[in-house]
Amino acid sequence: MRIFEDDTQARPFIKWVGGKTQLLDEVRKLLPCDFASRQHVTYVEPFVGGGAVMFWILQAYPNIERAVINDINPELICTYRVIKENVEELIAELAHIQDEYLPLSAEDRKAYYMEKRVRFNTKQTSPLETAALFIFLNRTCFNGLYRVNSKGKFNVPHGKYANPRICDVGNLRACSAVLQRVEILCGDFAETGSYAGPDTLFYFDPPYKPITETSSFTSYAKEGFDDTEQIRLRDFCEQISRDKALFVASNSDLKGVNPSDNFFDALYNQFIIKRVSAARMINADASGRGAISELMISNIVNA
């Protein structure tokens, strides 16, 4: 099934490690069979990231009356807000950066990238410049990875892309149109609990628990997301379930590497756990990429 049917539909405007485009059909299968006919639905995504599920579901289900997205990453949320409120000026700024960057030699591109990375890390840029730098760095860094150090500084090296699309005018405008329906928050995921209710669907895509000691790419915020946070998220799922909200959550399948690791199976044993196949794309060594198992967890019993 092709989820984004044509190029006029809004798609994620950034590359994002763990992005859910490849799993959208699995999310769809978990929704209640009458979801498309329900009225006054609220959709909440507390870890929005690249927004693949959000952009898809808001275009696929026009009956969703209200949408709320959140993330703890302030630069990411700033970018969403600029796209929603000031997309034409953002397009102009990105077009200018693209025109400067693309004609450069490989060595000069790297120097240009490092200059923009330093500027981005000053945290002293306007919302418009922050959004433009965020998208530029995402489109030109190694593997589209967003990673920060303990001081919250973006530290991903330059990528070697021949012709990166820095300014995707059509998609930015399409994203802006979708975001007009969306309330955009920046903070802890638990702050979205006030939206829970019988007509609310939550989708959780938290930083995944690493399946090996060398596979941790969860440092997209300096606060990190350790086992204590994973347990707190489970508690939050229990809380919103008591409020009659529906939820779907994704996470890593630890059993795929260690069959005796029951961390998530025990943590979410009162909910429905489904294992699905996904592609691993972030390993620098091509031999380390390929299909892996991921978890889809939900409280939806009639899907």
C-alpha atoms as a PDB file:
ATOM      1  CA  MET A   1       0.000   0.000   0.000  1.00  0.00           C
ATOM      2  CA  ARG A   2       1.360   3.402  -0.943  1.00  0.00           C
ATOM      3  CA  ILE A   3       0.549   5.798   1.902  1.00  0.00           C
ATOM      4  CA  PHE A   4       1.579   9.128   0.345  1.00  0.00           C
ATOM      5  CA  GLU A   5      -0.327   8.818  -2.918  1.00  0.00           C
ATOM      6  CA  ASP A   6       1.185  11.688  -4.901  1.00  0.00           C
ATOM      7  CA  ASP A   7       3.705  14.507  -4.747  1.00  0.00           C
ATOM      8  CA  THR A   8       1.066  17.077  -3.770  1.00  0.00           C
ATOM      9  CA  GLN A   9       0.620  15.467  -0.352  1.00  0.00           C
ATOM     10  CA  ALA A  10       2.615  16.772   2.590  1.00  0.00           C
ATOM     11  CA  ARG A  11       5.491  14.500   3.570  1.00  0.00           C
ATOM     12  CA  PRO A  12       8.130  14.892   6.303  1.00  0.00           C
ATOM     13  CA  PHE A  13      10.239  17.964   5.523  1.00  0.00           C
ATOM     14  CA  ILE A  14      13.300  16.485   7.233  1.00  0.00           C
ATOM     15  CA  LYS A  15      15.071  13.154   7.312  1.00  0.00           C
ATOM     16  CA  TRP A  16      14.722  11.635  10.770  1.00  0.00           C
ATOM     17  CA  VAL A  17      16.353   8.559  12.239  1.00  0.00           C
ATOM     18  CA  GLY A  18      13.576   6.170  13.184  1.00  0.00           C
ATOM     19  CA  GLY A  19      11.096   7.963  10.921  1.00  0.00           C
ATOM     20  CA  LYS A  20       7.922   5.936  10.503  1.00  0.00           C
ATOM     21  CA  THR A  21       7.131   6.262   6.786  1.00  0.00           C
ATOM     22  CA  GLN A  22       7.864   2.563   6.238  1.00  0.00           C
ATOM     23  CA  LEU A  23       5.549   1.555   9.120  1.00  0.00           C
ATOM     24  CA  LEU A  24       2.511   3.684   8.296  1.00  0.00           C
ATOM     25  CA  ASP A  25       0.553   0.751   6.966  1.00  0.00           C
ATOM     26  CA  GLU A  26       1.204  -1.136  10.214  1.00  0.00           C
ATOM     27  CA  VAL A  27      -0.128   1.850  12.168  1.00  0.00           C
ATOM     28  CA  ARG A  28      -3.208   1.902   9.944  1.00  0.00           C
ATOM     29  CA  LYS A  29      -3.880  -1.777  10.621  1.00  0.00           C
ATOM     30  CA  LEU A  30      -3.928  -1.113  14.370  1.00  0.00           C
ATOM     31  CA  LEU A  31      -6.563   1.623  14.205  1.00  0.00           C
ATOM     32  CA  PRO A  32     -10.162   0.769  15.145  1.00  0.00           C
ATOM     33  CA  CYS A  33     -12.108  -0.519  12.153  1.00  0.00           C
ATOM     34  CA  ASP A  34     -14.569   2.363  12.485  1.00  0.00           C
ATOM     35  CA  PHE A  35     -11.902   5.049  12.961  1.00  0.00           C
ATOM     36  CA  ALA A  36     -12.669   6.831   9.669  1.00  0.00           C
ATOM     37  CA  SER A  37     -16.324   7.302  10.648  1.00  0.00           C
ATOM     38  CA  ARG A  38     -15.765   8.554  14.192  1.00  0.00           C
ATOM     39  CA  GLN A  39     -16.617  12.176  14.903  1.00  0.00           C
ATOM     40  CA  HIS A  40     -14.782  14.859  16.908  1.00  0.00           C
ATOM     41  CA  VAL A  41     -11.519  12.880  16.997  1.00  0.00           C
ATOM     42  CA  THR A  42      -8.410  14.421  18.560  1.00  0.00           C
ATOM     43  CA  TYR A  43      -4.987  13.165  17.445  1.00  0.00           C
ATOM     44  CA  VAL A  44      -1.983  13.642  19.763  1.00  0.00           C
ATOM     45  CA  GLU A  45       1.658  12.855  18.976  1.00  0.00           C
ATOM     46  CA  PRO A  46       3.909  13.579  21.986  1.00  0.00           C
ATOM     47  CA  PHE A  47       7.215  12.697  20.200  1.00  0.00           C
ATOM     48  CA  VAL A  48       6.561  14.140  16.748  1.00  0.00           C
ATOM     49  CA  GLY A  49      10.082  13.886  15.304  1.00  0.00           C
ATOM     50  CA  GLY A  50       9.879  13.978  11.509  1.00  0.00           C
ATOM     51  CA  GLY A  51       6.088  13.797  11.621  1.00  0.00           C
ATOM     52  CA  ALA A  52       5.533  10.945   9.139  1.00  0.00           C
ATOM     53  CA  VAL A  53       2.541   9.540  11.029  1.00  0.00           C
ATOM     54  CA  MET A  54       1.088  12.975  11.718  1.00  0.00           C
ATOM     55  CA  PHE A  55       1.269  14.168   8.095  1.00  0.00           C
ATOM     56  CA  TRP A  56      -0.187  10.894   6.839  1.00  0.00           C
ATOM     57  CA  ILE A  57      -3.022  10.527   9.342  1.00  0.00           C
ATOM     58  CA  LEU A  58      -4.252  14.125   9.060  1.00  0.00           C
ATOM     59  CA  GLN A  59      -4.514  13.775   5.275  1.00  0.00           C
ATOM     60  CA  ALA A  60      -5.960  10.249   5.352  1.00  0.00           C
ATOM     61  CA  TYR A  61      -8.605  10.926   8.015  1.00  0.00           C
ATOM     62  CA  PRO A  62     -10.385  14.266   7.545  1.00  0.00           C
ATOM     63  CA  ASN A  63     -12.662  13.366  10.473  1.00  0.00           C
ATOM     64  CA  ILE A  64      -9.807  14.235  12.843  1.00  0.00           C
ATOM     65  CA  GLU A  65     -11.086  17.522  14.236  1.00  0.00           C
ATOM     66  CA  ARG A  66      -8.115  18.516  16.353  1.00  0.00           C
ATOM     67  CA  ALA A  67      -4.411  17.645  16.296  1.00  0.00           C
ATOM     68  CA  VAL A  68      -1.666  18.283  18.840  1.00  0.00           C
ATOM     69  CA  ILE A  69       2.038  17.626  18.318  1.00  0.00           C
ATOM     70  CA  ASN A  70       4.847  17.924  20.822  1.00  0.00           C
ATOM     71  CA  ASP A  71       8.571  17.339  21.078  1.00  0.00           C
ATOM     72  CA  ILE A  72      11.238  18.172  23.629  1.00  0.00           C
ATOM     73  CA  ASN A  73      13.613  19.397  20.893  1.00  0.00           C
ATOM     74  CA  PRO A  74      13.140  23.204  20.782  1.00  0.00           C
ATOM     75  CA  GLU A  75      14.822  23.703  17.403  1.00  0.00           C
ATOM     76  CA  LEU A  76      12.617  21.063  15.806  1.00  0.00           C
ATOM     77  CA  ILE A  77       9.470  22.622  17.255  1.00  0.00           C
ATOM     78  CA  CYS A  78      10.646  26.077  16.194  1.00  0.00           C
ATOM     79  CA  THR A  79      10.920  24.727  12.641  1.00  0.00           C
ATOM     80  CA  TYR A  80       7.387  23.318  12.715  1.00  0.00           C
ATOM     81  CA  ARG A  81       6.065  26.670  13.928  1.00  0.00           C
ATOM     82  CA  VAL A  82       7.917  28.651  11.258  1.00  0.00           C
ATOM     83  CA  ILE A  83       6.595  26.325   8.535  1.00  0.00           C
ATOM     84  CA  LYS A  84       3.085  26.792   9.896  1.00  0.00           C
ATOM     85  CA  GLU A  85       3.252  30.569  10.333  1.00  0.00           C
ATOM     86  CA  ASN A  86       5.917  31.909   7.961  1.00  0.00           C
ATOM     87  CA  VAL A  87       6.563  29.401   5.201  1.00  0.00           C
ATOM     88  CA  GLU A  88       7.194  31.848   2.345  1.00  0.00           C
ATOM     89  CA  GLU A  89      10.009  33.651   4.168  1.00  0.00           C
ATOM     90  CA  LEU A  90      11.479  30.276   5.104  1.00  0.00           C
ATOM     91  CA  ILE A  91      11.389  29.195   1.460  1.00  0.00           C
ATOM     92  CA  ALA A  92      13.219  32.370   0.457  1.00  0.00           C
ATOM     93  CA  GLU A  93      15.907  31.808   3.098  1.00  0.00           C
ATOM     94  CA  LEU A  94      16.399  28.149   2.142  1.00  0.00           C
ATOM     95  CA  ALA A  95      16.566  29.026  -1.553  1.00  0.00           C
ATOM     96  CA  HIS A  96      19.330  31.523  -0.758  1.00  0.00           C
ATOM     97  CA  ILE A  97      21.294  28.899   1.226  1.00  0.00           C
ATOM     98  CA  GLN A  98      20.798  26.337  -1.535  1.00  0.00           C
ATOM     99  CA  ASP A  99      22.057  28.759  -4.171  1.00  0.00           C
ATOM    100  CA  GLU A 100      25.170  29.426  -2.083  1.00  0.00           C
ATOM    101  CA  TYR A 101      25.892  25.803  -1.184  1.00  0.00           C
ATOM    102  CA  LEU A 102      25.326  23.734  -4.314  1.00  0.00           C
ATOM    103  CA  PRO A 103      27.949  25.399  -6.604  1.00  0.00           C
ATOM    104  CA  LEU A 104      30.734  24.902  -4.021  1.00  0.00           C
ATOM    105  CA  SER A 105      33.510  22.327  -4.234  1.00  0.00           C
ATOM    106  CA  ALA A 106      33.420  19.394  -1.812  1.00  0.00           C
ATOM    107  CA  GLU A 107      35.971  21.041   0.461  1.00  0.00           C
ATOM    108  CA  ASP A 108      34.165  24.389   0.422  1.00  0.00           C
ATOM    109  CA  ARG A 109      30.812  22.670   1.076  1.00  0.00           C
ATOM    110  CA  LYS A 110      32.232  21.124   4.226  1.00  0.00           C
ATOM    111  CA  ALA A 111      33.572  24.483   5.397  1.00  0.00           C
ATOM    112  CA  TYR A 112      30.210  26.123   4.657  1.00  0.00           C
ATOM    113  CA  TYR A 113      28.415  23.369   6.587  1.00  0.00           C
ATOM    114  CA  MET A 114      30.696  23.738   9.603  1.00  0.00           C
ATOM    115  CA  GLU A 115      30.187  27.508   9.594  1.00  0.00           C
ATOM    116  CA  LYS A 116      26.407  27.055   9.626  1.00  0.00           C
ATOM    117  CA  ARG A 117      26.661  24.395  12.351  1.00  0.00           C
ATOM    118  CA  VAL A 118      28.593  26.789  14.581  1.00  0.00           C
ATOM    119  CA  ARG A 119      26.001  29.494  13.916  1.00  0.00           C
ATOM    120  CA  PHE A 120      23.155  27.088  14.722  1.00  0.00           C
ATOM    121  CA  ASN A 121      24.795  26.097  18.005  1.00  0.00           C
ATOM    122  CA  THR A 122      25.013  29.692  19.246  1.00  0.00           C
ATOM    123  CA  LYS A 123      21.284  29.418  20.082  1.00  0.00           C
ATOM    124  CA  GLN A 124      21.110  33.133  19.300  1.00  0.00           C
ATOM    125  CA  THR A 125      19.357  33.008  15.935  1.00  0.00           C
ATOM    126  CA  SER A 126      15.869  34.215  15.096  1.00  0.00           C
ATOM    127  CA  PRO A 127      13.101  31.627  14.682  1.00  0.00           C
ATOM    128  CA  LEU A 128      13.325  32.025  10.891  1.00  0.00           C
ATOM    129  CA  GLU A 129      17.105  31.523  10.800  1.00  0.00           C
ATOM    130  CA  THR A 130      16.879  28.638  13.284  1.00  0.00           C
ATOM    131  CA  ALA A 131      14.360  26.845  11.049  1.00  0.00           C
ATOM    132  CA  ALA A 132      16.417  27.451   7.894  1.00  0.00           C
ATOM    133  CA  LEU A 133      19.614  26.223   9.541  1.00  0.00           C
ATOM    134  CA  PHE A 134      17.813  23.207  11.024  1.00  0.00           C
ATOM    135  CA  ILE A 135      16.573  22.093   7.608  1.00  0.00           C
ATOM    136  CA  PHE A 136      19.884  22.863   5.867  1.00  0.00           C
ATOM    137  CA  LEU A 137      21.928  20.916   8.420  1.00  0.00           C
ATOM    138  CA  ASN A 138      19.459  18.023   8.302  1.00  0.00           C
ATOM    139  CA  ARG A 139      19.662  17.841   4.527  1.00  0.00           C
ATOM    140  CA  THR A 140      23.443  18.014   4.355  1.00  0.00           C
ATOM    141  CA  CYS A 141      24.684  16.224   7.484  1.00  0.00           C
ATOM    142  CA  PHE A 142      25.708  12.569   7.699  1.00  0.00           C
ATOM    143  CA  ASN A 143      22.675  10.300   7.185  1.00  0.00           C
ATOM    144  CA  GLY A 144      20.189  12.999   8.220  1.00  0.00           C
ATOM    145  CA  LEU A 145      21.073  12.198  11.828  1.00  0.00           C
ATOM    146  CA  TYR A 146      20.104  14.604  14.604  1.00  0.00           C
ATOM    147  CA  ARG A 147      22.410  14.140  17.585  1.00  0.00           C
ATOM    148  CA  VAL A 148      23.542  16.473  20.330  1.00  0.00           C
ATOM    149  CA  ASN A 149      26.264  16.249  22.952  1.00  0.00           C
ATOM    150  CA  SER A 150      25.822  16.624  26.722  1.00  0.00           C
ATOM    151  CA  LYS A 151      25.772  20.413  26.324  1.00  0.00           C
ATOM    152  CA  GLY A 152      22.970  20.255  23.787  1.00  0.00           C
ATOM    153  CA  LYS A 153      25.217  21.151  20.839  1.00  0.00           C
ATOM    154  CA  PHE A 154      24.446  19.607  17.449  1.00  0.00           C
ATOM    155  CA  ASN A 155      27.577  17.631  16.519  1.00  0.00           C
ATOM    156  CA  VAL A 156      26.809  15.543  13.413  1.00  0.00           C
ATOM    157  CA  PRO A 157      29.544  15.686  10.725  1.00  0.00           C
ATOM    158  CA  HIS A 158      29.049  16.842   7.161  1.00  0.00           C
ATOM    159  CA  GLY A 159      27.492  14.403   4.692  1.00  0.00           C
ATOM    160  CA  LYS A 160      28.695  13.911   1.115  1.00  0.00           C
ATOM    161  CA  TYR A 161      25.519  14.292  -0.952  1.00  0.00           C
ATOM    162  CA  ALA A 162      25.964  15.308  -4.574  1.00  0.00           C
ATOM    163  CA  ASN A 163      22.722  17.267  -4.989  1.00  0.00           C
ATOM    164  CA  PRO A 164      20.754  17.571  -1.736  1.00  0.00           C
ATOM    165  CA  ARG A 165      17.315  19.150  -1.963  1.00  0.00           C
ATOM    166  CA  ILE A 166      17.635  21.904   0.612  1.00  0.00           C
ATOM    167  CA  CYS A 167      14.597  23.899  -0.480  1.00  0.00           C
ATOM    168  CA  ASP A 168      11.616  21.681  -1.355  1.00  0.00           C
ATOM    169  CA  VAL A 169       9.130  24.436  -2.132  1.00  0.00           C
ATOM    170  CA  GLY A 170       6.103  22.301  -2.948  1.00  0.00           C
ATOM    171  CA  ASN A 171       6.404  20.096   0.112  1.00  0.00           C
ATOM    172  CA  LEU A 172       7.049  22.989   2.492  1.00  0.00           C
ATOM    173  CA  ARG A 173       3.849  24.673   1.318  1.00  0.00           C
ATOM    174  CA  ALA A 174       1.913  21.402   1.616  1.00  0.00           C
ATOM    175  CA  CYS A 175       3.268  20.891   5.141  1.00  0.00           C
ATOM    176  CA  SER A 176       2.277  24.429   6.063  1.00  0.00           C
ATOM    177  CA  ALA A 177      -1.278  23.767   4.864  1.00  0.00           C
ATOM    178  CA  VAL A 178      -1.575  20.630   7.024  1.00  0.00           C
ATOM    179  CA  LEU A 179      -0.077  22.367  10.055  1.00  0.00           C
ATOM    180  CA  GLN A 180      -2.813  25.008  10.040  1.00  0.00           C
ATOM    181  CA  ARG A 181      -4.932  22.329  11.796  1.00  0.00           C
ATOM    182  CA  VAL A 182      -2.277  21.560  14.405  1.00  0.00           C
ATOM    183  CA  GLU A 183      -1.471  22.877  17.874  1.00  0.00           C
ATOM    184  CA  ILE A 184       2.314  22.768  18.334  1.00  0.00           C
ATOM    185  CA  LEU A 185       3.811  22.255  21.808  1.00  0.00           C
ATOM    186  CA  CYS A 186       7.372  21.976  23.117  1.00  0.00           C
ATOM    187  CA  GLY A 187       7.965  20.116  26.342  1.00  0.00           C
ATOM    188  CA  ASP A 188       7.809  16.830  28.198  1.00  0.00           C
ATOM    189  CA  PHE A 189       5.560  14.165  26.682  1.00  0.00           C
ATOM    190  CA  ALA A 190       3.528  13.875  29.893  1.00  0.00           C
ATOM    191  CA  GLU A 191       2.232  17.418  29.422  1.00  0.00           C
ATOM    192  CA  THR A 192      -0.028  16.112  26.653  1.00  0.00           C
ATOM    193  CA  GLY A 193      -2.039  14.075  29.154  1.00  0.00           C
ATOM    194  CA  SER A 194      -4.633  16.827  29.439  1.00  0.00           C
ATOM    195  CA  TYR A 195      -5.843  15.924  25.929  1.00  0.00           C
ATOM    196  CA  ALA A 196      -6.705  12.320  26.860  1.00  0.00           C
ATOM    197  CA  GLY A 197     -10.328  11.282  26.534  1.00  0.00           C
ATOM    198  CA  PRO A 198     -12.666   8.819  24.814  1.00  0.00           C
ATOM    199  CA  ASP A 199     -12.301  10.547  21.425  1.00  0.00           C
ATOM    200  CA  THR A 200      -8.496  10.859  21.511  1.00  0.00           C
ATOM    201  CA  LEU A 201      -5.871   8.803  19.691  1.00  0.00           C
ATOM    202  CA  PHE A 202      -2.243   9.040  20.823  1.00  0.00           C
ATOM    203  CA  TYR A 203       0.693   7.852  18.749  1.00  0.00           C
ATOM    204  CA  PHE A 204       4.019   7.460  20.587  1.00  0.00           C
ATOM    205  CA  ASP A 205       7.346   7.218  18.788  1.00  0.00           C
ATOM    206  CA  PRO A 206       9.805   7.782  21.650  1.00  0.00           C
ATOM    207  CA  PRO A 207      13.581   7.470  21.417  1.00  0.00           C
ATOM    208  CA  TYR A 208      14.040   3.720  21.052  1.00  0.00           C
ATOM    209  CA  LYS A 209      15.753   1.638  23.688  1.00  0.00           C
ATOM    210  CA  PRO A 210      19.089   0.567  22.100  1.00  0.00           C
ATOM    211  CA  ILE A 211      19.130  -3.076  21.021  1.00  0.00           C
ATOM    212  CA  THR A 212      22.924  -3.251  21.437  1.00  0.00           C
ATOM    213  CA  GLU A 213      25.538  -1.191  23.266  1.00  0.00           C
ATOM    214  CA  THR A 214      26.684   0.367  19.979  1.00  0.00           C
ATOM    215  CA  SER A 215      23.274   1.136  18.469  1.00  0.00           C
ATOM    216  CA  SER A 216      22.176   4.078  20.595  1.00  0.00           C
ATOM    217  CA  PHE A 217      21.026   6.971  18.447  1.00  0.00           C
ATOM    218  CA  THR A 218      18.635   8.312  21.086  1.00  0.00           C
ATOM    219  CA  SER A 219      20.587  11.452  22.002  1.00  0.00           C
ATOM    220  CA  TYR A 220      18.431  13.820  20.003  1.00  0.00           C
ATOM    221  CA  ALA A 221      18.033  15.866  23.209  1.00  0.00           C
ATOM    222  CA  LYS A 222      20.640  16.408  25.888  1.00  0.00           C
ATOM    223  CA  GLU A 223      18.251  14.996  28.508  1.00  0.00           C
ATOM    224  CA  GLY A 224      18.418  11.505  26.962  1.00  0.00           C
ATOM    225  CA  PHE A 225      15.780   8.785  27.322  1.00  0.00           C
ATOM    226  CA  ASP A 226      16.847   5.931  29.587  1.00  0.00           C
ATOM    227  CA  ASP A 227      14.974   2.980  31.106  1.00  0.00           C
ATOM    228  CA  THR A 228      13.434   5.213  33.766  1.00  0.00           C
ATOM    229  CA  GLU A 229      11.900   7.307  30.984  1.00  0.00           C
ATOM    230  CA  GLN A 230      10.670   4.176  29.191  1.00  0.00           C
ATOM    231  CA  ILE A 231       8.918   3.109  32.406  1.00  0.00           C
ATOM    232  CA  ARG A 232       7.466   6.591  32.859  1.00  0.00           C
ATOM    233  CA  LEU A 233       6.076   6.388  29.322  1.00  0.00           C
ATOM    234  CA  ARG A 234       4.432   3.046  30.151  1.00  0.00           C
ATOM    235  CA  ASP A 235       2.876   4.664  33.222  1.00  0.00           C
ATOM    236  CA  PHE A 236       1.588   7.465  31.007  1.00  0.00           C
ATOM    237  CA  CYS A 237       0.028   4.915  28.639  1.00  0.00           C
ATOM    238  CA  GLU A 238      -1.752   3.373  31.625  1.00  0.00           C
ATOM    239  CA  GLN A 239      -2.946   6.820  32.697  1.00  0.00           C
ATOM    240  CA  ILE A 240      -4.444   7.785  29.342  1.00  0.00           C
ATOM    241  CA  SER A 241      -5.985   4.330  29.014  1.00  0.00           C
ATOM    242  CA  ARG A 242      -7.845   4.951  32.274  1.00  0.00           C
ATOM    243  CA  ASP A 243      -9.095   8.155  30.622  1.00  0.00           C
ATOM    244  CA  LYS A 244     -10.453   5.986  27.753  1.00  0.00           C
ATOM    245  CA  ALA A 245      -7.982   7.311  25.180  1.00  0.00           C
ATOM    246  CA  LEU A 246      -6.606   4.990  22.488  1.00  0.00           C
ATOM    247  CA  PHE A 247      -2.900   4.683  21.803  1.00  0.00           C
ATOM    248  CA  VAL A 248      -0.376   3.090  19.487  1.00  0.00           C
ATOM    249  CA  ALA A 249       3.321   3.084  20.417  1.00  0.00           C
ATOM    250  CA  SER A 250       6.471   1.979  18.602  1.00  0.00           C
ATOM    251  CA  ASN A 251       9.757   0.794  20.083  1.00  0.00           C
ATOM    252  CA  SER A 252      12.700  -1.514  19.470  1.00  0.00           C
ATOM    253  CA  ASP A 253      12.283  -5.281  19.725  1.00  0.00           C
ATOM    254  CA  LEU A 254      15.022  -6.306  22.121  1.00  0.00           C
ATOM    255  CA  LYS A 255      14.193  -9.975  21.610  1.00  0.00           C
ATOM    256  CA  GLY A 256      15.376  -9.657  18.022  1.00  0.00           C
ATOM    257  CA  VAL A 257      18.939  -9.566  19.365  1.00  0.00           C
ATOM    258  CA  ASN A 258      18.507 -11.277  22.724  1.00  0.00           C
ATOM    259  CA  PRO A 259      15.538 -13.705  22.913  1.00  0.00           C
ATOM    260  CA  SER A 260      15.695 -13.667  26.719  1.00  0.00           C
ATOM    261  CA  ASP A 261      15.319  -9.878  27.004  1.00  0.00           C
ATOM    262  CA  ASN A 262      11.776  -9.374  28.250  1.00  0.00           C
ATOM    263  CA  PHE A 263      12.040  -5.669  29.099  1.00  0.00           C
ATOM    264  CA  PHE A 264       9.190  -4.474  26.880  1.00  0.00           C
ATOM    265  CA  ASP A 265       7.179  -7.700  27.007  1.00  0.00           C
ATOM    266  CA  ALA A 266       7.042  -7.405  30.793  1.00  0.00           C
ATOM    267  CA  LEU A 267       6.637  -3.623  30.815  1.00  0.00           C
ATOM    268  CA  TYR A 268       3.614  -3.634  28.485  1.00  0.00           C
ATOM    269  CA  ASN A 269       2.181  -7.032  29.406  1.00  0.00           C
ATOM    270  CA  GLN A 270      -1.300  -5.587  29.969  1.00  0.00           C
ATOM    271  CA  PHE A 271      -1.408  -4.224  26.408  1.00  0.00           C
ATOM    272  CA  ILE A 272      -1.306  -5.737  22.911  1.00  0.00           C
ATOM    273  CA  ILE A 273       2.203  -6.235  21.504  1.00  0.00           C
ATOM    274  CA  LYS A 274       2.784  -6.904  17.815  1.00  0.00           C
ATOM    275  CA  ARG A 275       6.130  -7.504  16.139  1.00  0.00           C
ATOM    276  CA  VAL A 276       6.639  -6.029  12.667  1.00  0.00           C
ATOM    277  CA  SER A 277       9.509  -5.894  10.194  1.00  0.00           C
ATOM    278  CA  ALA A 278      11.346  -2.624   9.582  1.00  0.00           C
ATOM    279  CA  ALA A 279      14.532  -1.596   7.784  1.00  0.00           C
ATOM    280  CA  ARG A 280      17.576  -0.433   9.694  1.00  0.00           C
ATOM    281  CA  MET A 281      19.136   2.448   7.756  1.00  0.00           C
ATOM    282  CA  ILE A 282      21.502   4.321  10.101  1.00  0.00           C
ATOM    283  CA  ASN A 283      24.480   1.986  10.227  1.00  0.00           C
ATOM    284  CA  ALA A 284      27.453   3.494   8.390  1.00  0.00           C
ATOM    285  CA  ASP A 285      28.482  -0.014   7.383  1.00  0.00           C
ATOM    286  CA  ALA A 286      26.091  -1.309   4.713  1.00  0.00           C
ATOM    287  CA  SER A 287      26.518  -4.845   6.050  1.00  0.00           C
ATOM    288  CA  GLY A 288      24.933  -3.696   9.313  1.00  0.00           C
ATOM    289  CA  ARG A 289      21.717  -2.573   7.621  1.00  0.00           C
ATOM    290  CA  GLY A 290      18.694  -4.681   6.827  1.00  0.00           C
ATOM    291  CA  ALA A 291      15.334  -5.839   8.129  1.00  0.00           C
ATOM    292  CA  ILE A 292      14.842  -5.933  11.883  1.00  0.00           C
ATOM    293  CA  SER A 293      11.850  -6.459  14.133  1.00  0.00           C
ATOM    294  CA  GLU A 294      10.139  -3.555  15.894  1.00  0.00           C
ATOM    295  CA  LEU A 295       7.331  -3.461  18.418  1.00  0.00           C
ATOM    296  CA  MET A 296       3.902  -1.951  17.905  1.00  0.00           C
ATOM    297  CA  ILE A 297       2.120  -1.662  21.254  1.00  0.00           C
ATOM    298  CA  SER A 298      -1.515  -0.610  21.660  1.00  0.00           C
ATOM    299  CA  ASN A 299      -4.626  -0.741  23.813  1.00  0.00           C
ATOM    300  CA  ILE A 300      -6.917  -1.076  20.771  1.00  0.00           C
ATOM    301  CA  VAL A 301      -8.674  -4.422  21.078  1.00  0.00           C
ATOM    302  CA  ASN A 302     -10.983  -4.258  18.041  1.00  0.00           C
ATOM    303  CA  ALA A 303      -8.379  -3.412  15.386  1.00  0.00           C
END
